Amino acid sequence: MLHIIIHTLPYELNALEQTLIQLKRSSKYLSLNEKVRIEVLLNTNLIDWSSSNLSLNFFSSVYHDLVKINEDWAECVLRIDTENKFLGCNDLRRYTLRNTDADYVMYLDTDIVFNDTMLRRVFDSLNIILDEYFILTPQLTRMWDTTWDVVSNEKFFNEAATHENYFNRDPYKATFDNSEVNLKPIPGFKFAGWGTIIPTKLGRFIDIPDSLGSYGLDDTFIMFACDIMNKHGYNVKQYVIEGELVIENNKFRLEYFKDLLTLIDRKEEFKQIAHSNFQPELIKFNERLSNLSSR
């Protein structure tokens, strides 16, 4: 089973709806034995509801209606957290990797655009890969710096790697159907929440430490941990589905409700927590592998 997890805030429900519609379109290429679970967590904890112009009940009602889009083909799990248990995407990713019964977990942000063929290409790729430990990602358009070129499609290399080009790119024109799709290993590791697939076995072996907190550096931690694993004799690779593109929808970002809500901004606080604990956790992970190899 492929367990797709999506963390969303109330003002992102418009974008969430578009993502769920894209998944529905992508499902038409799957067979009945290719199982998918779509789990969406609505994080209501970063809104001051007492001073907002829309109520939690309004968003809860809209949110529960969205399950109807995909309930005919996927196992759908919609959860609302009002108790500060899930304050950011790290919390959902950590919980899922530790508790899912699925073989694979996909990180899916609400603001990305992808082809109808994405799920088909993902399952085809998973059927081909024989490695015990790996990361699988679609390709990207060219990003804001060249470090992302290793996972970007070469058709966009004629554009400079700048924030201006990236954030002004039309996502609906940038993605394209490509019959020439290949599975390609890349040197090193580079990914984010844009359709990244992590085998549950690898996710549990590395884990997302509690000390990293609710937001920030969870993907970077797994990247560095994969490098450490390779240095200790494990064989971990990242593959890209060459020709299958995803892109953030920055040009037409759908956040119509945002101005009607009073936001509680803890992003910088969360990032500082993650940064302060990142290196100590990597040291502990390296020590754990050293102890395992010495037995």
C-alpha atoms as a PDB file:
ATOM      1  CA  MET A   1       0.000   0.000   0.000  1.00  0.00           C
ATOM      2  CA  LEU A   2       1.021   3.588  -0.713  1.00  0.00           C
ATOM      3  CA  HIS A   3       0.138   5.878   2.205  1.00  0.00           C
ATOM      4  CA  ILE A   4      -0.164   9.494   0.998  1.00  0.00           C
ATOM      5  CA  ILE A   5      -0.009  12.047   3.797  1.00  0.00           C
ATOM      6  CA  ILE A   6      -1.036  15.688   3.520  1.00  0.00           C
ATOM      7  CA  HIS A   7      -0.735  18.299   6.271  1.00  0.00           C
ATOM      8  CA  THR A   8      -3.008  21.286   5.728  1.00  0.00           C
ATOM      9  CA  LEU A   9      -3.939  24.505   7.473  1.00  0.00           C
ATOM     10  CA  PRO A  10      -7.498  25.894   7.301  1.00  0.00           C
ATOM     11  CA  TYR A  11      -6.681  28.593   4.745  1.00  0.00           C
ATOM     12  CA  GLU A  12      -5.155  25.939   2.449  1.00  0.00           C
ATOM     13  CA  LEU A  13      -8.435  24.064   1.901  1.00  0.00           C
ATOM     14  CA  ASN A  14      -8.858  25.535  -1.593  1.00  0.00           C
ATOM     15  CA  ALA A  15      -5.462  24.188  -2.580  1.00  0.00           C
ATOM     16  CA  LEU A  16      -6.214  20.900  -0.825  1.00  0.00           C
ATOM     17  CA  GLU A  17      -9.331  20.480  -2.934  1.00  0.00           C
ATOM     18  CA  GLN A  18      -7.266  20.912  -6.101  1.00  0.00           C
ATOM     19  CA  THR A  19      -4.742  18.333  -4.857  1.00  0.00           C
ATOM     20  CA  LEU A  20      -7.470  15.805  -4.083  1.00  0.00           C
ATOM     21  CA  ILE A  21      -8.990  16.354  -7.526  1.00  0.00           C
ATOM     22  CA  GLN A  22      -5.587  15.727  -9.105  1.00  0.00           C
ATOM     23  CA  LEU A  23      -5.278  12.471  -7.151  1.00  0.00           C
ATOM     24  CA  LYS A  24      -8.731  11.452  -8.356  1.00  0.00           C
ATOM     25  CA  ARG A  25      -7.681  12.051 -11.954  1.00  0.00           C
ATOM     26  CA  SER A  26      -4.484  10.110 -11.366  1.00  0.00           C
ATOM     27  CA  SER A  27      -6.406   7.143  -9.927  1.00  0.00           C
ATOM     28  CA  LYS A  28      -7.950   6.219 -13.288  1.00  0.00           C
ATOM     29  CA  TYR A  29      -4.635   4.665 -14.354  1.00  0.00           C
ATOM     30  CA  LEU A  30      -4.408   2.324 -11.336  1.00  0.00           C
ATOM     31  CA  SER A  31      -5.582  -1.262 -11.081  1.00  0.00           C
ATOM     32  CA  LEU A  32      -7.783  -2.545  -8.263  1.00  0.00           C
ATOM     33  CA  ASN A  33      -4.886  -4.318  -6.526  1.00  0.00           C
ATOM     34  CA  GLU A  34      -2.836  -1.114  -6.263  1.00  0.00           C
ATOM     35  CA  LYS A  35      -3.933   0.178  -2.897  1.00  0.00           C
ATOM     36  CA  VAL A  36      -3.718   3.787  -1.784  1.00  0.00           C
ATOM     37  CA  ARG A  37      -4.535   5.461   1.508  1.00  0.00           C
ATOM     38  CA  ILE A  38      -4.969   9.237   1.496  1.00  0.00           C
ATOM     39  CA  GLU A  39      -4.596  10.733   4.957  1.00  0.00           C
ATOM     40  CA  VAL A  40      -5.182  14.442   5.439  1.00  0.00           C
ATOM     41  CA  LEU A  41      -4.575  16.206   8.723  1.00  0.00           C
ATOM     42  CA  LEU A  42      -6.250  19.572   9.270  1.00  0.00           C
ATOM     43  CA  ASN A  43      -4.084  21.496  11.729  1.00  0.00           C
ATOM     44  CA  THR A  44      -6.341  24.049  13.465  1.00  0.00           C
ATOM     45  CA  ASN A  45      -3.854  24.924  16.196  1.00  0.00           C
ATOM     46  CA  LEU A  46      -2.173  27.893  14.506  1.00  0.00           C
ATOM     47  CA  ILE A  47      -5.299  30.036  14.245  1.00  0.00           C
ATOM     48  CA  ASP A  48      -6.681  32.370  16.895  1.00  0.00           C
ATOM     49  CA  TRP A  49     -10.311  31.442  16.377  1.00  0.00           C
ATOM     50  CA  SER A  50     -11.609  33.949  18.930  1.00  0.00           C
ATOM     51  CA  SER A  51     -10.538  36.876  16.734  1.00  0.00           C
ATOM     52  CA  SER A  52     -11.089  35.321  13.291  1.00  0.00           C
ATOM     53  CA  ASN A  53     -13.953  36.136  10.951  1.00  0.00           C
ATOM     54  CA  LEU A  54     -14.659  32.497  10.117  1.00  0.00           C
ATOM     55  CA  SER A  55     -15.296  29.697  12.596  1.00  0.00           C
ATOM     56  CA  LEU A  56     -13.658  26.335  13.087  1.00  0.00           C
ATOM     57  CA  ASN A  57     -17.044  24.741  12.387  1.00  0.00           C
ATOM     58  CA  PHE A  58     -17.079  26.307   8.929  1.00  0.00           C
ATOM     59  CA  PHE A  59     -13.746  24.747   8.016  1.00  0.00           C
ATOM     60  CA  SER A  60     -14.644  21.417   9.611  1.00  0.00           C
ATOM     61  CA  SER A  61     -17.747  21.198   7.449  1.00  0.00           C
ATOM     62  CA  VAL A  62     -15.868  22.013   4.239  1.00  0.00           C
ATOM     63  CA  TYR A  63     -13.067  19.648   5.192  1.00  0.00           C
ATOM     64  CA  HIS A  64     -15.313  16.642   5.742  1.00  0.00           C
ATOM     65  CA  ASP A  65     -17.029  17.225   2.394  1.00  0.00           C
ATOM     66  CA  LEU A  66     -13.679  16.819   0.630  1.00  0.00           C
ATOM     67  CA  VAL A  67     -13.432  13.114   1.526  1.00  0.00           C
ATOM     68  CA  LYS A  68     -16.178  12.398  -0.996  1.00  0.00           C
ATOM     69  CA  ILE A  69     -13.837  13.169  -3.867  1.00  0.00           C
ATOM     70  CA  ASN A  70     -11.717  10.040  -3.426  1.00  0.00           C
ATOM     71  CA  GLU A  71     -13.659   7.657  -1.225  1.00  0.00           C
ATOM     72  CA  ASP A  72     -14.713   5.495  -4.205  1.00  0.00           C
ATOM     73  CA  TRP A  73     -11.155   4.353  -5.002  1.00  0.00           C
ATOM     74  CA  ALA A  74      -8.906   5.023  -1.990  1.00  0.00           C
ATOM     75  CA  GLU A  75      -8.995   4.526   1.755  1.00  0.00           C
ATOM     76  CA  CYS A  76      -9.517   8.075   3.006  1.00  0.00           C
ATOM     77  CA  VAL A  77      -8.571   9.247   6.483  1.00  0.00           C
ATOM     78  CA  LEU A  78      -9.437  12.816   7.407  1.00  0.00           C
ATOM     79  CA  ARG A  79      -8.421  14.039  10.837  1.00  0.00           C
ATOM     80  CA  ILE A  80      -8.768  17.370  12.608  1.00  0.00           C
ATOM     81  CA  ASP A  81      -6.353  18.244  15.388  1.00  0.00           C
ATOM     82  CA  THR A  82      -7.494  20.855  17.894  1.00  0.00           C
ATOM     83  CA  GLU A  83      -5.302  19.695  20.803  1.00  0.00           C
ATOM     84  CA  ASN A  84      -1.823  20.885  19.755  1.00  0.00           C
ATOM     85  CA  LYS A  85      -0.640  17.349  19.007  1.00  0.00           C
ATOM     86  CA  PHE A  86       0.139  18.195  15.382  1.00  0.00           C
ATOM     87  CA  LEU A  87       1.566  21.674  14.942  1.00  0.00           C
ATOM     88  CA  GLY A  88       3.388  21.145  11.656  1.00  0.00           C
ATOM     89  CA  CYS A  89       4.197  18.692   8.882  1.00  0.00           C
ATOM     90  CA  ASN A  90       7.032  17.093  10.896  1.00  0.00           C
ATOM     91  CA  ASP A  91       4.491  15.851  13.430  1.00  0.00           C
ATOM     92  CA  LEU A  92       2.364  14.111  10.802  1.00  0.00           C
ATOM     93  CA  ARG A  93       5.351  12.622   8.994  1.00  0.00           C
ATOM     94  CA  ARG A  94       6.905  11.363  12.220  1.00  0.00           C
ATOM     95  CA  TYR A  95       3.646   9.820  13.420  1.00  0.00           C
ATOM     96  CA  THR A  96       2.929   8.142  10.091  1.00  0.00           C
ATOM     97  CA  LEU A  97       6.392   6.655   9.603  1.00  0.00           C
ATOM     98  CA  ARG A  98       6.228   5.197  13.105  1.00  0.00           C
ATOM     99  CA  ASN A  99       2.689   3.826  12.910  1.00  0.00           C
ATOM    100  CA  THR A 100       1.568   3.101   9.349  1.00  0.00           C
ATOM    101  CA  ASP A 101       0.910  -0.437   8.151  1.00  0.00           C
ATOM    102  CA  ALA A 102       1.653   0.596   4.551  1.00  0.00           C
ATOM    103  CA  ASP A 103       4.850  -0.312   2.712  1.00  0.00           C
ATOM    104  CA  TYR A 104       5.483   3.196   1.430  1.00  0.00           C
ATOM    105  CA  VAL A 105       4.750   6.753   2.562  1.00  0.00           C
ATOM    106  CA  MET A 106       4.379   9.669   0.152  1.00  0.00           C
ATOM    107  CA  TYR A 107       4.820  13.271   1.284  1.00  0.00           C
ATOM    108  CA  LEU A 108       2.382  15.471  -0.620  1.00  0.00           C
ATOM    109  CA  ASP A 109       2.082  19.209  -0.018  1.00  0.00           C
ATOM    110  CA  THR A 110      -1.182  20.951  -0.875  1.00  0.00           C
ATOM    111  CA  ASP A 111       0.353  23.449  -3.291  1.00  0.00           C
ATOM    112  CA  ILE A 112       1.780  21.244  -6.038  1.00  0.00           C
ATOM    113  CA  VAL A 113       0.628  20.496  -9.560  1.00  0.00           C
ATOM    114  CA  PHE A 114       1.291  17.091 -11.139  1.00  0.00           C
ATOM    115  CA  ASN A 115       0.268  15.018 -14.136  1.00  0.00           C
ATOM    116  CA  ASP A 116      -2.594  12.541 -14.177  1.00  0.00           C
ATOM    117  CA  THR A 117       0.001   9.831 -14.738  1.00  0.00           C
ATOM    118  CA  MET A 118       1.921  10.406 -11.509  1.00  0.00           C
ATOM    119  CA  LEU A 119       0.476   7.550  -9.425  1.00  0.00           C
ATOM    120  CA  ARG A 120       0.813   5.154 -12.359  1.00  0.00           C
ATOM    121  CA  ARG A 121       4.512   6.052 -12.724  1.00  0.00           C
ATOM    122  CA  VAL A 122       5.041   5.725  -8.987  1.00  0.00           C
ATOM    123  CA  PHE A 123       3.651   2.192  -8.831  1.00  0.00           C
ATOM    124  CA  ASP A 124       5.557   1.197 -11.977  1.00  0.00           C
ATOM    125  CA  SER A 125       8.759   2.468 -10.369  1.00  0.00           C
ATOM    126  CA  LEU A 126       8.113   0.703  -7.072  1.00  0.00           C
ATOM    127  CA  ASN A 127       7.657  -2.545  -8.979  1.00  0.00           C
ATOM    128  CA  ILE A 128      11.059  -2.112 -10.637  1.00  0.00           C
ATOM    129  CA  ILE A 129      13.229  -1.019  -7.713  1.00  0.00           C
ATOM    130  CA  LEU A 130      14.870  -3.983  -6.000  1.00  0.00           C
ATOM    131  CA  ASP A 131      16.812  -2.058  -3.335  1.00  0.00           C
ATOM    132  CA  GLU A 132      15.892  -2.554   0.309  1.00  0.00           C
ATOM    133  CA  TYR A 133      16.456   1.121   1.133  1.00  0.00           C
ATOM    134  CA  PHE A 134      15.749   3.960  -1.295  1.00  0.00           C
ATOM    135  CA  ILE A 135      14.080   7.323  -1.882  1.00  0.00           C
ATOM    136  CA  LEU A 136      11.844   7.864  -4.927  1.00  0.00           C
ATOM    137  CA  THR A 137      10.815  11.253  -6.309  1.00  0.00           C
ATOM    138  CA  PRO A 138       9.247  12.729  -9.426  1.00  0.00           C
ATOM    139  CA  GLN A 139      11.295  15.328 -11.272  1.00  0.00           C
ATOM    140  CA  LEU A 140      11.035  19.077 -10.764  1.00  0.00           C
ATOM    141  CA  THR A 141      11.244  22.077 -13.016  1.00  0.00           C
ATOM    142  CA  ARG A 142      14.390  24.104 -12.447  1.00  0.00           C
ATOM    143  CA  MET A 143      14.456  25.514  -8.936  1.00  0.00           C
ATOM    144  CA  TRP A 144      15.945  28.658  -7.390  1.00  0.00           C
ATOM    145  CA  ASP A 145      19.495  27.315  -7.209  1.00  0.00           C
ATOM    146  CA  THR A 146      21.544  24.727  -9.072  1.00  0.00           C
ATOM    147  CA  THR A 147      21.745  22.267  -6.161  1.00  0.00           C
ATOM    148  CA  TRP A 148      18.293  21.080  -7.288  1.00  0.00           C
ATOM    149  CA  ASP A 149      19.407  20.383 -10.866  1.00  0.00           C
ATOM    150  CA  VAL A 150      20.098  16.762  -9.975  1.00  0.00           C
ATOM    151  CA  VAL A 151      16.318  16.207  -9.600  1.00  0.00           C
ATOM    152  CA  SER A 152      15.200  18.734 -12.242  1.00  0.00           C
ATOM    153  CA  ASN A 153      14.184  18.036 -15.814  1.00  0.00           C
ATOM    154  CA  GLU A 154      16.756  19.171 -18.369  1.00  0.00           C
ATOM    155  CA  LYS A 155      14.079  20.772 -20.566  1.00  0.00           C
ATOM    156  CA  PHE A 156      14.122  23.675 -18.088  1.00  0.00           C
ATOM    157  CA  PHE A 157      17.896  24.139 -18.008  1.00  0.00           C
ATOM    158  CA  ASN A 158      17.705  26.965 -20.541  1.00  0.00           C
ATOM    159  CA  GLU A 159      16.127  29.052 -17.763  1.00  0.00           C
ATOM    160  CA  ALA A 160      18.334  30.541 -15.067  1.00  0.00           C
ATOM    161  CA  ALA A 161      18.023  29.013 -11.612  1.00  0.00           C
ATOM    162  CA  THR A 162      16.518  32.052  -9.865  1.00  0.00           C
ATOM    163  CA  HIS A 163      13.696  32.716  -7.438  1.00  0.00           C
ATOM    164  CA  GLU A 164      12.097  35.057  -9.971  1.00  0.00           C
ATOM    165  CA  ASN A 165      11.893  32.378 -12.657  1.00  0.00           C
ATOM    166  CA  TYR A 166      10.733  29.709 -10.252  1.00  0.00           C
ATOM    167  CA  PHE A 167       7.994  31.671  -8.493  1.00  0.00           C
ATOM    168  CA  ASN A 168       6.628  33.149 -11.735  1.00  0.00           C
ATOM    169  CA  ARG A 169       6.455  29.851 -13.624  1.00  0.00           C
ATOM    170  CA  ASP A 170       2.976  28.791 -14.728  1.00  0.00           C
ATOM    171  CA  PRO A 171       2.586  25.317 -13.184  1.00  0.00           C
ATOM    172  CA  TYR A 172      -0.183  24.275 -15.562  1.00  0.00           C
ATOM    173  CA  LYS A 173       2.034  24.937 -18.575  1.00  0.00           C
ATOM    174  CA  ALA A 174       5.214  23.586 -16.978  1.00  0.00           C
ATOM    175  CA  THR A 175       4.006  20.038 -16.358  1.00  0.00           C
ATOM    176  CA  PHE A 176       3.691  17.909 -19.453  1.00  0.00           C
ATOM    177  CA  ASP A 177       2.756  14.384 -20.411  1.00  0.00           C
ATOM    178  CA  ASN A 178       5.869  12.510 -21.426  1.00  0.00           C
ATOM    179  CA  SER A 179       5.805   9.021 -22.882  1.00  0.00           C
ATOM    180  CA  GLU A 180       9.562   8.789 -22.386  1.00  0.00           C
ATOM    181  CA  VAL A 181       9.697   8.092 -18.672  1.00  0.00           C
ATOM    182  CA  ASN A 182      12.742   6.461 -17.116  1.00  0.00           C
ATOM    183  CA  LEU A 183      13.815   5.545 -13.605  1.00  0.00           C
ATOM    184  CA  LYS A 184      17.179   7.135 -12.947  1.00  0.00           C
ATOM    185  CA  PRO A 185      19.449   6.919  -9.880  1.00  0.00           C
ATOM    186  CA  ILE A 186      21.048  10.207  -8.862  1.00  0.00           C
ATOM    187  CA  PRO A 187      24.216  10.991  -6.922  1.00  0.00           C
ATOM    188  CA  GLY A 188      23.391  11.881  -3.337  1.00  0.00           C
ATOM    189  CA  PHE A 189      19.957  12.881  -2.047  1.00  0.00           C
ATOM    190  CA  LYS A 190      17.702  15.871  -2.705  1.00  0.00           C
ATOM    191  CA  PHE A 191      13.963  16.069  -2.013  1.00  0.00           C
ATOM    192  CA  ALA A 192      11.145  17.838  -0.189  1.00  0.00           C
ATOM    193  CA  GLY A 193       7.376  17.366   0.200  1.00  0.00           C
ATOM    194  CA  TRP A 194       6.660  17.201  -3.505  1.00  0.00           C
ATOM    195  CA  GLY A 195       5.591  13.610  -4.007  1.00  0.00           C
ATOM    196  CA  THR A 196       8.587  12.053  -2.263  1.00  0.00           C
ATOM    197  CA  ILE A 197       8.166   8.334  -1.509  1.00  0.00           C
ATOM    198  CA  ILE A 198       9.973   6.760   1.448  1.00  0.00           C
ATOM    199  CA  PRO A 199       9.763   3.039   2.214  1.00  0.00           C
ATOM    200  CA  THR A 200       8.356   2.631   5.715  1.00  0.00           C
ATOM    201  CA  LYS A 201      11.271   0.373   6.625  1.00  0.00           C
ATOM    202  CA  LEU A 202      13.778   3.128   5.850  1.00  0.00           C
ATOM    203  CA  GLY A 203      11.661   5.804   7.536  1.00  0.00           C
ATOM    204  CA  ARG A 204      11.504   3.792  10.742  1.00  0.00           C
ATOM    205  CA  PHE A 205      15.206   2.976  10.671  1.00  0.00           C
ATOM    206  CA  ILE A 206      16.153   6.656  10.408  1.00  0.00           C
ATOM    207  CA  ASP A 207      13.107   8.177  12.155  1.00  0.00           C
ATOM    208  CA  ILE A 208      12.339  11.871  12.515  1.00  0.00           C
ATOM    209  CA  PRO A 209      13.605  12.646  16.028  1.00  0.00           C
ATOM    210  CA  ASP A 210      11.151  14.271  18.415  1.00  0.00           C
ATOM    211  CA  SER A 211      13.710  16.989  19.151  1.00  0.00           C
ATOM    212  CA  LEU A 212      13.419  18.372  15.596  1.00  0.00           C
ATOM    213  CA  GLY A 213       9.991  19.590  16.603  1.00  0.00           C
ATOM    214  CA  SER A 214       7.037  20.372  14.382  1.00  0.00           C
ATOM    215  CA  TYR A 215       8.538  22.034  11.337  1.00  0.00           C
ATOM    216  CA  GLY A 216      11.828  22.179   9.490  1.00  0.00           C
ATOM    217  CA  LEU A 217      14.791  20.010   8.456  1.00  0.00           C
ATOM    218  CA  ASP A 218      13.006  16.650   8.604  1.00  0.00           C
ATOM    219  CA  ASP A 219      13.738  15.990   4.923  1.00  0.00           C
ATOM    220  CA  THR A 220      17.313  17.276   5.289  1.00  0.00           C
ATOM    221  CA  PHE A 221      17.796  15.004   8.306  1.00  0.00           C
ATOM    222  CA  ILE A 222      16.743  11.962   6.274  1.00  0.00           C
ATOM    223  CA  MET A 223      19.049  13.016   3.409  1.00  0.00           C
ATOM    224  CA  PHE A 224      22.049  13.304   5.718  1.00  0.00           C
ATOM    225  CA  ALA A 225      21.112  10.088   7.501  1.00  0.00           C
ATOM    226  CA  CYS A 226      21.038   8.241   4.161  1.00  0.00           C
ATOM    227  CA  ASP A 227      24.568   9.487   3.471  1.00  0.00           C
ATOM    228  CA  ILE A 228      25.653   8.258   6.901  1.00  0.00           C
ATOM    229  CA  MET A 229      24.067   4.870   6.233  1.00  0.00           C
ATOM    230  CA  ASN A 230      26.070   4.535   3.006  1.00  0.00           C
ATOM    231  CA  LYS A 231      29.279   5.358   4.857  1.00  0.00           C
ATOM    232  CA  HIS A 232      28.491   2.502   7.232  1.00  0.00           C
ATOM    233  CA  GLY A 233      28.083   0.007   4.420  1.00  0.00           C
ATOM    234  CA  TYR A 234      24.365   0.241   3.711  1.00  0.00           C
ATOM    235  CA  ASN A 235      23.193   0.745   0.144  1.00  0.00           C
ATOM    236  CA  VAL A 236      20.743   3.629  -0.062  1.00  0.00           C
ATOM    237  CA  LYS A 237      19.915   5.362  -3.336  1.00  0.00           C
ATOM    238  CA  GLN A 238      17.577   8.031  -4.570  1.00  0.00           C
ATOM    239  CA  TYR A 239      15.764   7.475  -7.852  1.00  0.00           C
ATOM    240  CA  VAL A 240      13.932  10.084  -9.894  1.00  0.00           C
ATOM    241  CA  ILE A 241      11.070   9.297 -12.240  1.00  0.00           C
ATOM    242  CA  GLU A 242      12.603  11.093 -15.191  1.00  0.00           C
ATOM    243  CA  GLY A 243       9.904  12.814 -17.239  1.00  0.00           C
ATOM    244  CA  GLU A 244       7.226  12.808 -14.520  1.00  0.00           C
ATOM    245  CA  LEU A 245       7.105  16.380 -13.224  1.00  0.00           C
ATOM    246  CA  VAL A 246       5.709  18.105 -10.175  1.00  0.00           C
ATOM    247  CA  ILE A 247       5.857  21.832  -9.474  1.00  0.00           C
ATOM    248  CA  GLU A 248       4.776  24.134  -6.675  1.00  0.00           C
ATOM    249  CA  ASN A 249       1.826  26.330  -7.567  1.00  0.00           C
ATOM    250  CA  ASN A 250       3.321  29.654  -6.537  1.00  0.00           C
ATOM    251  CA  LYS A 251       1.900  31.727  -9.401  1.00  0.00           C
ATOM    252  CA  PHE A 252      -1.740  30.868  -8.628  1.00  0.00           C
ATOM    253  CA  ARG A 253      -1.624  30.142  -4.910  1.00  0.00           C
ATOM    254  CA  LEU A 254      -5.124  29.480  -3.540  1.00  0.00           C
ATOM    255  CA  GLU A 255      -5.458  30.949  -0.043  1.00  0.00           C
ATOM    256  CA  TYR A 256      -8.741  32.834  -0.247  1.00  0.00           C
ATOM    257  CA  PHE A 257      -9.573  32.480   3.458  1.00  0.00           C
ATOM    258  CA  LYS A 258      -6.227  33.661   4.807  1.00  0.00           C
ATOM    259  CA  ASP A 259      -7.181  37.318   5.299  1.00  0.00           C
ATOM    260  CA  LEU A 260     -10.271  36.269   7.292  1.00  0.00           C
ATOM    261  CA  LEU A 261      -8.234  34.408   9.896  1.00  0.00           C
ATOM    262  CA  THR A 262      -5.933  35.537  12.679  1.00  0.00           C
ATOM    263  CA  LEU A 263      -2.804  33.459  12.226  1.00  0.00           C
ATOM    264  CA  ILE A 264      -0.467  32.342  14.992  1.00  0.00           C
ATOM    265  CA  ASP A 265       2.960  32.473  13.362  1.00  0.00           C
ATOM    266  CA  ARG A 266       5.385  30.047  15.041  1.00  0.00           C
ATOM    267  CA  LYS A 267       7.389  29.190  11.933  1.00  0.00           C
ATOM    268  CA  GLU A 268      10.634  30.840  13.013  1.00  0.00           C
ATOM    269  CA  GLU A 269      10.303  29.346  16.504  1.00  0.00           C
ATOM    270  CA  PHE A 270       9.870  25.869  15.009  1.00  0.00           C
ATOM    271  CA  LYS A 271      12.807  26.367  12.626  1.00  0.00           C
ATOM    272  CA  GLN A 272      15.085  27.415  15.483  1.00  0.00           C
ATOM    273  CA  ILE A 273      14.165  24.282  17.427  1.00  0.00           C
ATOM    274  CA  ALA A 274      14.931  22.111  14.403  1.00  0.00           C
ATOM    275  CA  HIS A 275      18.252  23.837  13.699  1.00  0.00           C
ATOM    276  CA  SER A 276      19.436  23.635  17.298  1.00  0.00           C
ATOM    277  CA  ASN A 277      18.846  19.896  17.475  1.00  0.00           C
ATOM    278  CA  PHE A 278      19.773  18.877  13.934  1.00  0.00           C
ATOM    279  CA  GLN A 279      23.505  18.258  14.375  1.00  0.00           C
ATOM    280  CA  PRO A 280      23.251  16.521  17.777  1.00  0.00           C
ATOM    281  CA  GLU A 281      20.667  14.129  16.335  1.00  0.00           C
ATOM    282  CA  LEU A 282      22.905  13.334  13.352  1.00  0.00           C
ATOM    283  CA  ILE A 283      25.756  12.581  15.740  1.00  0.00           C
ATOM    284  CA  LYS A 284      23.506  10.225  17.705  1.00  0.00           C
ATOM    285  CA  PHE A 285      22.383   8.504  14.497  1.00  0.00           C
ATOM    286  CA  ASN A 286      25.988   8.006  13.407  1.00  0.00           C
ATOM    287  CA  GLU A 287      26.866   6.605  16.837  1.00  0.00           C
ATOM    288  CA  ARG A 288      23.920   4.201  16.649  1.00  0.00           C
ATOM    289  CA  LEU A 289      25.134   2.843  13.331  1.00  0.00           C
ATOM    290  CA  SER A 290      28.695   2.567  14.661  1.00  0.00           C
ATOM    291  CA  ASN A 291      27.405   0.493  17.570  1.00  0.00           C
ATOM    292  CA  LEU A 292      25.383  -1.721  15.227  1.00  0.00           C
ATOM    293  CA  SER A 293      28.380  -2.366  12.967  1.00  0.00           C
ATOM    294  CA  SER A 294      30.644  -3.224  15.912  1.00  0.00           C
ATOM    295  CA  ARG A 295      28.407  -6.029  17.145  1.00  0.00           C
END
